[in-house]
Amino acid sequence: MTQPDGTWRIWKDPSVAGRFVDGRRAAIPGSSEQLDTLLRLVERVDARHKRVLDIGCGDGLLLETVMRATPVERGVALDGSPAMLEKAQVRFELLGLFSHLVEYIEADFNDPEWTQTLPIPAFDVVVSGFAIHHSEDERKRQLYQEIWSLLEPGGVFVNIEHVASRTPFGEELFE
């Protein structure tokens, strides 16, 4: 199996994590539309109190978005970066409202054993935002299978992601 190139490890640096969190909202084109689409998909999940996993959670924005919109029994924030998990923990502690429902897991989803770190075996909603693109293509295929196996029947996986542009100009525009 081809391993990821390792560039994702920059997220372990607290200064990189801080710059991303502070500048993200203005930098991602269509971010409000992405969150709206996320919620429209999540609302279709027929579970009274949802169990939600945020893979590569960063500062927990997607998990918070879901938790504000629908009843959640349990939230799991998973990231390979302690610096990003700390940002997520701060976000939820400041909210207060949800902090007792969120568990923080430091794990690298590129490790095929990452699912063994999860506190529960199945989820109604799995989300990820701008994290999985750091993985090699073969690992992405395996990861999608692993995520599928974590979903309850009728559950949903929403991956808000950057897809490689067809041209260097398109890539430059995104960046």
Foldseek 3Di string as FASTA:
>chain_A
DDWFPPPLVVCLDLVVLVVCVVPVPVQFPPPVVLLVVVQVLQVQQPDQAWEEEEAQCQLPPSVVSNVVRHHHQAYEYEHQHPSRLVNVQVVCVVVVPCNVRYDYHNDDLLPVCRCVRDPDQATQEYEYEADCVSTDPVSSVVSVVSNVRRYDVSGDYYYHHDDDDPDPVVVVVSD
